[in-house]
């Protein structure tokens, strides 16, 4: 009698193990292809620092007006709507080091022999895409960081 119960338990364990083993199957997950980064549009400054000091509170008391400055990307071209300390001082063309996973952006002003490159980030912050460019125009002791948000 005990042997019969033992055999039935063994049989149930074997069946249960087979059912569990066959119910688990490996799903092949294909990697998601990252889309190319599209900078097209008009971008306004939402944050500006120089050597870690916030510059935006100085807008009303300074000759520098961040409200008038926009960076406009159209195709492979860019334009600047106002003059500010920036990596370039005139419009031209731009390029990303990698369209899917960019870490650098290069600006080549019209008539310039070589482009000027700098690091940038392109994260989504609070559901909004932000473009942050870090650069040092001229004097290497001054480091600027501008964060842009696309104008709607």
C-alpha atoms as a PDB file:
ATOM      1  CA  UNK A   1       0.000   0.000   0.000  1.00  0.00           C
ATOM      2  CA  UNK A   2       2.785   2.432   0.927  1.00  0.00           C
ATOM      3  CA  UNK A   3       4.608   1.465  -2.239  1.00  0.00           C
ATOM      4  CA  UNK A   4       1.526   2.245  -4.330  1.00  0.00           C
ATOM      5  CA  UNK A   5       1.144   5.703  -2.722  1.00  0.00           C
ATOM      6  CA  UNK A   6       4.877   6.322  -3.188  1.00  0.00           C
ATOM      7  CA  UNK A   7       4.650   5.350  -6.879  1.00  0.00           C
ATOM      8  CA  UNK A   8       1.629   7.625  -7.398  1.00  0.00           C
ATOM      9  CA  UNK A   9       3.444  10.560  -5.747  1.00  0.00           C
ATOM     10  CA  UNK A  10       6.505   9.922  -7.872  1.00  0.00           C
ATOM     11  CA  UNK A  11       4.346   9.735 -10.976  1.00  0.00           C
ATOM     12  CA  UNK A  12       2.603  13.030 -10.063  1.00  0.00           C
ATOM     13  CA  UNK A  13       5.952  14.694  -9.388  1.00  0.00           C
ATOM     14  CA  UNK A  14       7.295  13.573 -12.744  1.00  0.00           C
ATOM     15  CA  UNK A  15       4.172  14.776 -14.557  1.00  0.00           C
ATOM     16  CA  UNK A  16       4.208  18.080 -12.669  1.00  0.00           C
ATOM     17  CA  UNK A  17       7.902  18.571 -13.465  1.00  0.00           C
ATOM     18  CA  UNK A  18       7.281  17.874 -17.156  1.00  0.00           C
ATOM     19  CA  UNK A  19       4.353  20.312 -17.239  1.00  0.00           C
ATOM     20  CA  UNK A  20       6.375  23.039 -15.580  1.00  0.00           C
ATOM     21  CA  UNK A  21       9.390  22.430 -17.811  1.00  0.00           C
ATOM     22  CA  UNK A  22       7.328  22.487 -21.036  1.00  0.00           C
ATOM     23  CA  UNK A  23       5.338  25.559 -20.017  1.00  0.00           C
ATOM     24  CA  UNK A  24       8.531  27.631 -19.734  1.00  0.00           C
ATOM     25  CA  UNK A  25       9.748  28.685 -23.108  1.00  0.00           C
ATOM     26  CA  UNK A  26      12.370  31.228 -24.025  1.00  0.00           C
ATOM     27  CA  UNK A  27      11.097  34.261 -25.875  1.00  0.00           C
ATOM     28  CA  UNK A  28      13.490  35.716 -28.360  1.00  0.00           C
ATOM     29  CA  UNK A  29      13.617  39.441 -27.772  1.00  0.00           C
ATOM     30  CA  UNK A  30      14.998  41.399 -30.652  1.00  0.00           C
ATOM     31  CA  UNK A  31      16.931  44.525 -29.737  1.00  0.00           C
ATOM     32  CA  UNK A  32      15.096  47.795 -30.133  1.00  0.00           C
ATOM     33  CA  UNK A  33      16.675  50.048 -32.707  1.00  0.00           C
ATOM     34  CA  UNK A  34      17.212  53.524 -31.362  1.00  0.00           C
ATOM     35  CA  UNK A  35      15.747  56.199 -33.601  1.00  0.00           C
ATOM     36  CA  UNK A  36      17.953  58.939 -34.974  1.00  0.00           C
ATOM     37  CA  UNK A  37      17.913  62.133 -32.951  1.00  0.00           C
ATOM     38  CA  UNK A  38      15.903  64.878 -34.610  1.00  0.00           C
ATOM     39  CA  UNK A  39      16.930  68.378 -33.545  1.00  0.00           C
ATOM     40  CA  UNK A  40      14.732  70.107 -36.134  1.00  0.00           C
ATOM     41  CA  UNK A  41      12.959  73.141 -34.727  1.00  0.00           C
ATOM     42  CA  UNK A  42      13.535  76.240 -32.630  1.00  0.00           C
ATOM     43  CA  UNK A  43      15.182  75.813 -29.224  1.00  0.00           C
ATOM     44  CA  UNK A  44      15.099  78.381 -26.393  1.00  0.00           C
ATOM     45  CA  UNK A  45      17.403  78.568 -23.393  1.00  0.00           C
ATOM     46  CA  UNK A  46      15.846  77.343 -20.144  1.00  0.00           C
ATOM     47  CA  UNK A  47      19.063  77.171 -18.116  1.00  0.00           C
ATOM     48  CA  UNK A  48      22.436  78.864 -18.500  1.00  0.00           C
ATOM     49  CA  UNK A  49      25.527  78.668 -16.316  1.00  0.00           C
ATOM     50  CA  UNK A  50      29.059  80.029 -16.537  1.00  0.00           C
ATOM     51  CA  UNK A  51      31.640  78.259 -14.386  1.00  0.00           C
ATOM     52  CA  UNK A  52      28.767  76.815 -12.333  1.00  0.00           C
ATOM     53  CA  UNK A  53      27.080  80.190 -11.698  1.00  0.00           C
ATOM     54  CA  UNK A  54      23.473  80.499 -12.830  1.00  0.00           C
ATOM     55  CA  UNK A  55      23.199  83.269 -15.444  1.00  0.00           C
ATOM     56  CA  UNK A  56      19.429  83.464 -15.933  1.00  0.00           C
ATOM     57  CA  UNK A  57      18.676  85.683 -12.895  1.00  0.00           C
ATOM     58  CA  UNK A  58      21.024  88.228 -14.482  1.00  0.00           C
ATOM     59  CA  UNK A  59      18.828  88.665 -17.562  1.00  0.00           C
ATOM     60  CA  UNK A  60      17.215  91.937 -16.422  1.00  0.00           C
ATOM     61  CA  UNK A  61      20.435  93.501 -15.098  1.00  0.00           C
ATOM     62  CA  UNK A  62      22.804  92.469 -17.870  1.00  0.00           C
ATOM     63  CA  UNK A  63      23.458  93.371 -21.481  1.00  0.00           C
ATOM     64  CA  UNK A  64      22.992  89.683 -22.224  1.00  0.00           C
ATOM     65  CA  UNK A  65      19.382  88.801 -22.989  1.00  0.00           C
ATOM     66  CA  UNK A  66      18.747  85.065 -23.031  1.00  0.00           C
ATOM     67  CA  UNK A  67      15.088  85.577 -23.971  1.00  0.00           C
ATOM     68  CA  UNK A  68      16.049  86.749 -27.470  1.00  0.00           C
ATOM     69  CA  UNK A  69      18.452  83.882 -28.152  1.00  0.00           C
ATOM     70  CA  UNK A  70      17.160  80.877 -30.066  1.00  0.00           C
ATOM     71  CA  UNK A  71      19.019  78.057 -31.744  1.00  0.00           C
ATOM     72  CA  UNK A  72      17.181  76.931 -34.880  1.00  0.00           C
ATOM     73  CA  UNK A  73      17.932  73.595 -36.557  1.00  0.00           C
ATOM     74  CA  UNK A  74      16.629  72.937 -40.061  1.00  0.00           C
ATOM     75  CA  UNK A  75      17.922  69.918 -41.959  1.00  0.00           C
ATOM     76  CA  UNK A  76      21.723  70.049 -41.644  1.00  0.00           C
ATOM     77  CA  UNK A  77      21.709  73.813 -41.000  1.00  0.00           C
ATOM     78  CA  UNK A  78      21.507  75.873 -37.841  1.00  0.00           C
ATOM     79  CA  UNK A  79      20.934  79.561 -37.218  1.00  0.00           C
ATOM     80  CA  UNK A  80      21.218  81.854 -34.206  1.00  0.00           C
ATOM     81  CA  UNK A  81      18.569  84.521 -33.593  1.00  0.00           C
ATOM     82  CA  UNK A  82      20.643  86.736 -31.308  1.00  0.00           C
ATOM     83  CA  UNK A  83      24.174  87.248 -30.060  1.00  0.00           C
ATOM     84  CA  UNK A  84      25.318  85.532 -26.862  1.00  0.00           C
ATOM     85  CA  UNK A  85      28.488  83.850 -25.713  1.00  0.00           C
ATOM     86  CA  UNK A  86      28.115  80.615 -27.670  1.00  0.00           C
ATOM     87  CA  UNK A  87      30.349  78.030 -29.270  1.00  0.00           C
ATOM     88  CA  UNK A  88      29.898  79.797 -32.637  1.00  0.00           C
ATOM     89  CA  UNK A  89      28.881  83.333 -33.530  1.00  0.00           C
ATOM     90  CA  UNK A  90      27.148  82.847 -36.868  1.00  0.00           C
ATOM     91  CA  UNK A  91      24.863  80.436 -38.698  1.00  0.00           C
ATOM     92  CA  UNK A  92      26.076  77.442 -40.684  1.00  0.00           C
ATOM     93  CA  UNK A  93      25.815  73.655 -40.704  1.00  0.00           C
ATOM     94  CA  UNK A  94      25.902  71.099 -37.908  1.00  0.00           C
ATOM     95  CA  UNK A  95      26.522  67.367 -37.563  1.00  0.00           C
ATOM     96  CA  UNK A  96      26.193  64.753 -34.835  1.00  0.00           C
ATOM     97  CA  UNK A  97      28.976  62.245 -34.197  1.00  0.00           C
ATOM     98  CA  UNK A  98      26.408  59.420 -34.253  1.00  0.00           C
ATOM     99  CA  UNK A  99      22.775  60.025 -35.349  1.00  0.00           C
ATOM    100  CA  UNK A 100      21.392  57.303 -33.024  1.00  0.00           C
ATOM    101  CA  UNK A 101      23.644  57.705 -29.975  1.00  0.00           C
ATOM    102  CA  UNK A 102      25.145  61.196 -30.229  1.00  0.00           C
ATOM    103  CA  UNK A 103      27.603  62.507 -27.665  1.00  0.00           C
ATOM    104  CA  UNK A 104      29.106  65.343 -29.697  1.00  0.00           C
ATOM    105  CA  UNK A 105      27.722  68.041 -31.914  1.00  0.00           C
ATOM    106  CA  UNK A 106      29.813  69.933 -34.460  1.00  0.00           C
ATOM    107  CA  UNK A 107      28.985  73.438 -35.624  1.00  0.00           C
ATOM    108  CA  UNK A 108      30.570  74.772 -38.811  1.00  0.00           C
ATOM    109  CA  UNK A 109      29.818  78.458 -39.385  1.00  0.00           C
ATOM    110  CA  UNK A 110      29.432  79.571 -42.996  1.00  0.00           C
ATOM    111  CA  UNK A 111      32.884  80.250 -44.410  1.00  0.00           C
ATOM    112  CA  UNK A 112      34.757  78.454 -41.613  1.00  0.00           C
ATOM    113  CA  UNK A 113      37.469  75.992 -42.590  1.00  0.00           C
ATOM    114  CA  UNK A 114      36.830  73.503 -39.786  1.00  0.00           C
ATOM    115  CA  UNK A 115      33.884  72.696 -37.528  1.00  0.00           C
ATOM    116  CA  UNK A 116      33.876  73.305 -33.773  1.00  0.00           C
ATOM    117  CA  UNK A 117      32.777  70.283 -31.743  1.00  0.00           C
ATOM    118  CA  UNK A 118      31.549  69.970 -28.195  1.00  0.00           C
ATOM    119  CA  UNK A 119      29.852  67.477 -25.913  1.00  0.00           C
ATOM    120  CA  UNK A 120      26.100  67.555 -25.520  1.00  0.00           C
ATOM    121  CA  UNK A 121      23.281  65.561 -23.964  1.00  0.00           C
ATOM    122  CA  UNK A 122      19.754  64.995 -25.214  1.00  0.00           C
ATOM    123  CA  UNK A 123      17.719  63.572 -22.299  1.00  0.00           C
ATOM    124  CA  UNK A 124      13.998  63.674 -21.610  1.00  0.00           C
ATOM    125  CA  UNK A 125      13.363  65.639 -18.396  1.00  0.00           C
ATOM    126  CA  UNK A 126       9.847  65.624 -16.939  1.00  0.00           C
ATOM    127  CA  UNK A 127       8.477  64.381 -20.249  1.00  0.00           C
ATOM    128  CA  UNK A 128      10.193  67.118 -22.280  1.00  0.00           C
ATOM    129  CA  UNK A 129      13.248  66.713 -24.518  1.00  0.00           C
ATOM    130  CA  UNK A 130      16.150  68.903 -23.341  1.00  0.00           C
ATOM    131  CA  UNK A 131      19.300  69.696 -25.317  1.00  0.00           C
ATOM    132  CA  UNK A 132      22.298  70.638 -23.154  1.00  0.00           C
ATOM    133  CA  UNK A 133      25.455  71.995 -24.763  1.00  0.00           C
ATOM    134  CA  UNK A 134      28.654  72.510 -22.771  1.00  0.00           C
ATOM    135  CA  UNK A 135      31.355  74.683 -24.341  1.00  0.00           C
ATOM    136  CA  UNK A 136      34.182  77.097 -23.758  1.00  0.00           C
ATOM    137  CA  UNK A 137      34.220  80.012 -26.256  1.00  0.00           C
ATOM    138  CA  UNK A 138      37.709  81.441 -26.567  1.00  0.00           C
ATOM    139  CA  UNK A 139      38.983  81.478 -22.985  1.00  0.00           C
ATOM    140  CA  UNK A 140      39.311  77.914 -21.708  1.00  0.00           C
ATOM    141  CA  UNK A 141      38.886  79.117 -18.120  1.00  0.00           C
ATOM    142  CA  UNK A 142      35.234  79.954 -18.818  1.00  0.00           C
ATOM    143  CA  UNK A 143      32.910  77.018 -19.234  1.00  0.00           C
ATOM    144  CA  UNK A 144      29.312  77.606 -20.278  1.00  0.00           C
ATOM    145  CA  UNK A 145      26.414  75.188 -20.136  1.00  0.00           C
ATOM    146  CA  UNK A 146      23.185  76.033 -21.938  1.00  0.00           C
ATOM    147  CA  UNK A 147      20.105  73.847 -21.654  1.00  0.00           C
ATOM    148  CA  UNK A 148      17.528  74.290 -24.407  1.00  0.00           C
ATOM    149  CA  UNK A 149      13.906  73.266 -24.712  1.00  0.00           C
ATOM    150  CA  UNK A 150      12.059  73.088 -28.027  1.00  0.00           C
ATOM    151  CA  UNK A 151       9.673  75.986 -28.616  1.00  0.00           C
ATOM    152  CA  UNK A 152       6.144  74.662 -29.131  1.00  0.00           C
END
